[in-house]
């Protein structure tokens, strides 16, 4: 579980921003959104294949 201790002489806004950074780095929201809806294993494989193709094309563009 993620928590932020507010330090002495630290504004609440700054503590909230630190909390937001910690949440995005830990990818909690991404996992939450993924679990909102069930995806079939075949769809997961298809999406993984599409993602790998996109990444391969991007790598090829970077090499030229």
PDB file of N, CA and C in Angstrom:
ATOM      1  N   UNK A   1       0.842  -1.172   0.000  1.00  0.00           N
ATOM      2  CA  UNK A   1       0.000   0.000   0.000  1.00  0.00           C
ATOM      3  C   UNK A   1       0.892   1.241   0.000  1.00  0.00           C
ATOM      4  N   UNK A   2       0.484   2.237  -0.731  1.00  0.00           N
ATOM      5  CA  UNK A   2       1.279   3.445  -0.880  1.00  0.00           C
ATOM      6  C   UNK A   2       0.778   4.497   0.092  1.00  0.00           C
ATOM      7  N   UNK A   3       1.711   5.145   0.740  1.00  0.00           N
ATOM      8  CA  UNK A   3       1.372   6.228   1.649  1.00  0.00           C
ATOM      9  C   UNK A   3       2.445   7.293   1.602  1.00  0.00           C
ATOM     10  N   UNK A   4       2.055   8.503   1.960  1.00  0.00           N
ATOM     11  CA  UNK A   4       2.991   9.624   1.954  1.00  0.00           C
ATOM     12  C   UNK A   4       2.907  10.302   3.316  1.00  0.00           C
ATOM     13  N   UNK A   5       4.041  10.467   3.939  1.00  0.00           N
ATOM     14  CA  UNK A   5       4.095  11.215   5.190  1.00  0.00           C
ATOM     15  C   UNK A   5       4.370  12.676   4.864  1.00  0.00           C
ATOM     16  N   UNK A   6       3.536  13.561   5.393  1.00  0.00           N
ATOM     17  CA  UNK A   6       3.726  14.985   5.162  1.00  0.00           C
ATOM     18  C   UNK A   6       4.839  15.452   6.084  1.00  0.00           C
ATOM     19  N   UNK A   7       5.867  16.035   5.503  1.00  0.00           N
ATOM     20  CA  UNK A   7       7.025  16.486   6.265  1.00  0.00           C
ATOM     21  C   UNK A   7       6.729  17.846   6.899  1.00  0.00           C
ATOM     22  N   UNK A   8       7.551  18.219   7.873  1.00  0.00           N
ATOM     23  CA  UNK A   8       7.399  19.528   8.495  1.00  0.00           C
ATOM     24  C   UNK A   8       7.640  20.616   7.455  1.00  0.00           C
ATOM     25  N   UNK A   9       6.855  21.666   7.523  1.00  0.00           N
ATOM     26  CA  UNK A   9       6.961  22.811   6.613  1.00  0.00           C
ATOM     27  C   UNK A   9       6.760  22.408   5.152  1.00  0.00           C
ATOM     28  N   UNK A  10       5.954  21.376   4.908  1.00  0.00           N
ATOM     29  CA  UNK A  10       5.651  20.965   3.536  1.00  0.00           C
ATOM     30  C   UNK A  10       4.174  21.199   3.285  1.00  0.00           C
ATOM     31  N   UNK A  11       3.872  21.790   2.147  1.00  0.00           N
ATOM     32  CA  UNK A  11       2.472  22.063   1.838  1.00  0.00           C
ATOM     33  C   UNK A  11       1.756  20.774   1.450  1.00  0.00           C
ATOM     34  N   UNK A  12       0.456  20.794   1.615  1.00  0.00           N
ATOM     35  CA  UNK A  12      -0.371  19.645   1.268  1.00  0.00           C
ATOM     36  C   UNK A  12      -0.300  19.384  -0.228  1.00  0.00           C
ATOM     37  N   UNK A  13      -0.258  20.457  -1.024  1.00  0.00           N
ATOM     38  CA  UNK A  13      -0.199  20.303  -2.483  1.00  0.00           C
ATOM     39  C   UNK A  13       1.042  19.528  -2.906  1.00  0.00           C
ATOM     40  N   UNK A  14       2.152  19.835  -2.274  1.00  0.00           N
ATOM     41  CA  UNK A  14       3.392  19.145  -2.635  1.00  0.00           C
ATOM     42  C   UNK A  14       3.323  17.668  -2.236  1.00  0.00           C
ATOM     43  N   UNK A  15       2.730  17.395  -1.082  1.00  0.00           N
ATOM     44  CA  UNK A  15       2.578  16.008  -0.642  1.00  0.00           C
ATOM     45  C   UNK A  15       1.654  15.245  -1.583  1.00  0.00           C
ATOM     46  N   UNK A  16       0.594  15.897  -2.044  1.00  0.00           N
ATOM     47  CA  UNK A  16      -0.326  15.255  -2.997  1.00  0.00           C
ATOM     48  C   UNK A  16       0.399  14.951  -4.301  1.00  0.00           C
ATOM     49  N   UNK A  17       1.224  15.881  -4.756  1.00  0.00           N
ATOM     50  CA  UNK A  17       1.978  15.645  -5.985  1.00  0.00           C
ATOM     51  C   UNK A  17       2.946  14.481  -5.823  1.00  0.00           C
ATOM     52  N   UNK A  18       3.598  14.359  -4.655  1.00  0.00           N
ATOM     53  CA  UNK A  18       4.476  13.221  -4.418  1.00  0.00           C
ATOM     54  C   UNK A  18       3.684  11.925  -4.444  1.00  0.00           C
ATOM     55  N   UNK A  19       2.482  11.954  -3.848  1.00  0.00           N
ATOM     56  CA  UNK A  19       1.636  10.765  -3.845  1.00  0.00           C
ATOM     57  C   UNK A  19       1.249  10.368  -5.263  1.00  0.00           C
ATOM     58  N   UNK A  20       0.872  11.340  -6.083  1.00  0.00           N
ATOM     59  CA  UNK A  20       0.503  11.058  -7.469  1.00  0.00           C
ATOM     60  C   UNK A  20       1.667  10.434  -8.238  1.00  0.00           C
ATOM     61  N   UNK A  21       2.869  10.949  -8.032  1.00  0.00           N
ATOM     62  CA  UNK A  21       4.041  10.387  -8.698  1.00  0.00           C
ATOM     63  C   UNK A  21       4.266   8.941  -8.274  1.00  0.00           C
ATOM     64  N   UNK A  22       4.113   8.678  -6.975  1.00  0.00           N
ATOM     65  CA  UNK A  22       4.313   7.322  -6.482  1.00  0.00           C
ATOM     66  C   UNK A  22       3.290   6.367  -7.085  1.00  0.00           C
ATOM     67  N   UNK A  23       2.054   6.814  -7.223  1.00  0.00           N
ATOM     68  CA  UNK A  23       0.997   5.970  -7.786  1.00  0.00           C
ATOM     69  C   UNK A  23       1.284   5.674  -9.250  1.00  0.00           C
ATOM     70  N   UNK A  24       1.691   6.682 -10.014  1.00  0.00           N
ATOM     71  CA  UNK A  24       1.948   6.456 -11.436  1.00  0.00           C
ATOM     72  C   UNK A  24       3.171   5.565 -11.629  1.00  0.00           C
ATOM     73  N   UNK A  25       4.185   5.718 -10.797  1.00  0.00           N
ATOM     74  CA  UNK A  25       5.381   4.882 -10.926  1.00  0.00           C
ATOM     75  C   UNK A  25       5.102   3.431 -10.559  1.00  0.00           C
ATOM     76  N   UNK A  26       4.201   3.222  -9.610  1.00  0.00           N
ATOM     77  CA  UNK A  26       3.915   1.852  -9.190  1.00  0.00           C
ATOM     78  C   UNK A  26       2.905   1.168 -10.108  1.00  0.00           C
ATOM     79  N   UNK A  27       2.312   1.913 -11.023  1.00  0.00           N
ATOM     80  CA  UNK A  27       1.378   1.390 -12.029  1.00  0.00           C
ATOM     81  C   UNK A  27       0.125   0.769 -11.404  1.00  0.00           C
ATOM     82  N   UNK A  28      -0.282   1.266 -10.268  1.00  0.00           N
ATOM     83  CA  UNK A  28      -1.475   0.751  -9.595  1.00  0.00           C
ATOM     84  C   UNK A  28      -2.721   1.030 -10.425  1.00  0.00           C
ATOM     85  N   UNK A  29      -2.833   2.248 -10.945  1.00  0.00           N
ATOM     86  CA  UNK A  29      -4.026   2.597 -11.719  1.00  0.00           C
ATOM     87  C   UNK A  29      -4.126   1.787 -13.001  1.00  0.00           C
ATOM     88  N   UNK A  30      -2.989   1.502 -13.637  1.00  0.00           N
ATOM     89  CA  UNK A  30      -3.020   0.685 -14.854  1.00  0.00           C
ATOM     90  C   UNK A  30      -3.560  -0.699 -14.555  1.00  0.00           C
ATOM     91  N   UNK A  31      -3.102  -1.279 -13.469  1.00  0.00           N
ATOM     92  CA  UNK A  31      -3.571  -2.606 -13.097  1.00  0.00           C
ATOM     93  C   UNK A  31      -5.053  -2.574 -12.751  1.00  0.00           C
ATOM     94  N   UNK A  32      -5.480  -1.523 -12.075  1.00  0.00           N
ATOM     95  CA  UNK A  32      -6.890  -1.374 -11.722  1.00  0.00           C
ATOM     96  C   UNK A  32      -7.754  -1.309 -12.976  1.00  0.00           C
ATOM     97  N   UNK A  33      -7.330  -0.529 -13.958  1.00  0.00           N
ATOM     98  CA  UNK A  33      -8.101  -0.393 -15.196  1.00  0.00           C
ATOM     99  C   UNK A  33      -8.137  -1.706 -15.973  1.00  0.00           C
ATOM    100  N   UNK A  34      -7.031  -2.442 -15.958  1.00  0.00           N
ATOM    101  CA  UNK A  34      -7.006  -3.727 -16.654  1.00  0.00           C
ATOM    102  C   UNK A  34      -7.969  -4.717 -16.021  1.00  0.00           C
ATOM    103  N   UNK A  35      -8.101  -4.659 -14.722  1.00  0.00           N
ATOM    104  CA  UNK A  35      -8.961  -5.611 -14.024  1.00  0.00           C
ATOM    105  C   UNK A  35     -10.436  -5.223 -14.058  1.00  0.00           C
ATOM    106  N   UNK A  36     -10.750  -4.057 -14.560  1.00  0.00           N
ATOM    107  CA  UNK A  36     -12.139  -3.617 -14.657  1.00  0.00           C
ATOM    108  C   UNK A  36     -12.934  -4.488 -15.620  1.00  0.00           C
ATOM    109  N   UNK A  37     -12.273  -4.961 -16.648  1.00  0.00           N
ATOM    110  CA  UNK A  37     -12.970  -5.707 -17.687  1.00  0.00           C
ATOM    111  C   UNK A  37     -12.175  -6.968 -18.025  1.00  0.00           C
ATOM    112  N   UNK A  38     -12.850  -8.066 -18.133  1.00  0.00           N
ATOM    113  CA  UNK A  38     -12.196  -9.333 -18.456  1.00  0.00           C
ATOM    114  C   UNK A  38     -11.842  -9.364 -19.927  1.00  0.00           C
ATOM    115  N   UNK A  39     -10.621  -9.794 -20.219  1.00  0.00           N
ATOM    116  CA  UNK A  39     -10.225  -9.997 -21.609  1.00  0.00           C
ATOM    117  C   UNK A  39      -9.863 -11.464 -21.792  1.00  0.00           C
ATOM    118  N   UNK A  40     -10.336 -12.017 -22.867  1.00  0.00           N
ATOM    119  CA  UNK A  40     -10.072 -13.418 -23.152  1.00  0.00           C
ATOM    120  C   UNK A  40      -8.587 -13.616 -23.423  1.00  0.00           C
ATOM    121  N   UNK A  41      -8.064 -14.783 -23.116  1.00  0.00           N
ATOM    122  CA  UNK A  41      -6.641 -15.040 -23.379  1.00  0.00           C
ATOM    123  C   UNK A  41      -6.269 -14.871 -24.851  1.00  0.00           C
ATOM    124  N   UNK A  42      -7.187 -15.232 -25.744  1.00  0.00           N
ATOM    125  CA  UNK A  42      -6.884 -15.075 -27.169  1.00  0.00           C
ATOM    126  C   UNK A  42      -6.748 -13.593 -27.531  1.00  0.00           C
ATOM    127  N   UNK A  43      -7.577 -12.734 -26.906  1.00  0.00           N
ATOM    128  CA  UNK A  43      -7.465 -11.302 -27.162  1.00  0.00           C
ATOM    129  C   UNK A  43      -6.164 -10.748 -26.591  1.00  0.00           C
ATOM    130  N   UNK A  44      -5.754 -11.246 -25.435  1.00  0.00           N
ATOM    131  CA  UNK A  44      -4.492 -10.794 -24.851  1.00  0.00           C
ATOM    132  C   UNK A  44      -3.321 -11.163 -25.752  1.00  0.00           C
ATOM    133  N   UNK A  45      -3.337 -12.379 -26.296  1.00  0.00           N
ATOM    134  CA  UNK A  45      -2.267 -12.788 -27.202  1.00  0.00           C
ATOM    135  C   UNK A  45      -2.260 -11.927 -28.461  1.00  0.00           C
ATOM    136  N   UNK A  46      -3.448 -11.642 -28.988  1.00  0.00           N
ATOM    137  CA  UNK A  46      -3.547 -10.823 -30.192  1.00  0.00           C
ATOM    138  C   UNK A  46      -2.996  -9.420 -29.938  1.00  0.00           C
ATOM    139  N   UNK A  47      -3.356  -8.835 -28.799  1.00  0.00           N
ATOM    140  CA  UNK A  47      -2.852  -7.500 -28.466  1.00  0.00           C
ATOM    141  C   UNK A  47      -1.339  -7.522 -28.251  1.00  0.00           C
ATOM    142  N   UNK A  48      -0.830  -8.574 -27.624  1.00  0.00           N
ATOM    143  CA  UNK A  48       0.611  -8.684 -27.419  1.00  0.00           C
ATOM    144  C   UNK A  48       1.336  -8.791 -28.755  1.00  0.00           C
ATOM    145  N   UNK A  49       0.760  -9.527 -29.693  1.00  0.00           N
ATOM    146  CA  UNK A  49       1.362  -9.648 -31.020  1.00  0.00           C
ATOM    147  C   UNK A  49       1.381  -8.299 -31.730  1.00  0.00           C
ATOM    148  N   UNK A  50       0.259  -7.564 -31.660  1.00  0.00           N
ATOM    149  CA  UNK A  50       0.205  -6.238 -32.274  1.00  0.00           C
ATOM    150  C   UNK A  50       1.241  -5.306 -31.654  1.00  0.00           C
ATOM    151  N   UNK A  51       1.369  -5.377 -30.332  1.00  0.00           N
ATOM    152  CA  UNK A  51       2.324  -4.520 -29.641  1.00  0.00           C
ATOM    153  C   UNK A  51       3.748  -4.842 -30.060  1.00  0.00           C
ATOM    154  N   UNK A  52       4.069  -6.119 -30.186  1.00  0.00           N
ATOM    155  CA  UNK A  52       5.423  -6.501 -30.580  1.00  0.00           C
ATOM    156  C   UNK A  52       5.722  -6.047 -32.009  1.00  0.00           C
ATOM    157  N   UNK A  53       4.726  -6.115 -32.886  1.00  0.00           N
ATOM    158  CA  UNK A  53       4.919  -5.661 -34.265  1.00  0.00           C
ATOM    159  C   UNK A  53       5.177  -4.155 -34.290  1.00  0.00           C
ATOM    160  N   UNK A  54       4.389  -3.401 -33.508  1.00  0.00           N
ATOM    161  CA  UNK A  54       4.590  -1.945 -33.440  1.00  0.00           C
ATOM    162  C   UNK A  54       5.976  -1.606 -32.917  1.00  0.00           C
ATOM    163  N   UNK A  55       6.400  -2.296 -31.866  1.00  0.00           N
ATOM    164  CA  UNK A  55       7.723  -2.016 -31.299  1.00  0.00           C
ATOM    165  C   UNK A  55       8.834  -2.359 -32.285  1.00  0.00           C
ATOM    166  N   UNK A  56       8.674  -3.444 -33.010  1.00  0.00           N
ATOM    167  CA  UNK A  56       9.682  -3.832 -33.999  1.00  0.00           C
ATOM    168  C   UNK A  56       9.786  -2.787 -35.103  1.00  0.00           C
ATOM    169  N   UNK A  57       8.643  -2.295 -35.570  1.00  0.00           N
ATOM    170  CA  UNK A  57       8.656  -1.250 -36.603  1.00  0.00           C
ATOM    171  C   UNK A  57       9.322   0.018 -36.077  1.00  0.00           C
ATOM    172  N   UNK A  58       9.048   0.354 -34.824  1.00  0.00           N
ATOM    173  CA  UNK A  58       9.637   1.557 -34.226  1.00  0.00           C
ATOM    174  C   UNK A  58      11.157   1.392 -34.130  1.00  0.00           C
ATOM    175  N   UNK A  59      11.621   0.216 -33.731  1.00  0.00           N
ATOM    176  CA  UNK A  59      13.065  -0.032 -33.643  1.00  0.00           C
ATOM    177  C   UNK A  59      13.729   0.066 -35.010  1.00  0.00           C
ATOM    178  N   UNK A  60      13.036  -0.436 -36.040  1.00  0.00           N
ATOM    179  CA  UNK A  60      13.602  -0.373 -37.382  1.00  0.00           C
ATOM    180  C   UNK A  60      13.703   1.073 -37.855  1.00  0.00           C
ATOM    181  N   UNK A  61      12.730   1.908 -37.525  1.00  0.00           N
ATOM    182  CA  UNK A  61      12.782   3.319 -37.913  1.00  0.00           C
ATOM    183  C   UNK A  61      13.925   4.031 -37.195  1.00  0.00           C
ATOM    184  N   UNK A  62      14.175   3.672 -35.946  1.00  0.00           N
ATOM    185  CA  UNK A  62      15.245   4.318 -35.195  1.00  0.00           C
ATOM    186  C   UNK A  62      16.617   3.970 -35.751  1.00  0.00           C
ATOM    187  N   UNK A  63      16.759   2.803 -36.327  1.00  0.00           N
ATOM    188  CA  UNK A  63      18.055   2.365 -36.838  1.00  0.00           C
ATOM    189  C   UNK A  63      18.444   3.086 -38.125  1.00  0.00           C
ATOM    190  N   UNK A  64      17.512   3.650 -38.835  1.00  0.00           N
ATOM    191  CA  UNK A  64      17.812   4.302 -40.103  1.00  0.00           C
ATOM    192  C   UNK A  64      17.989   5.772 -39.960  1.00  0.00           C
TER     193      UNK A  64
END
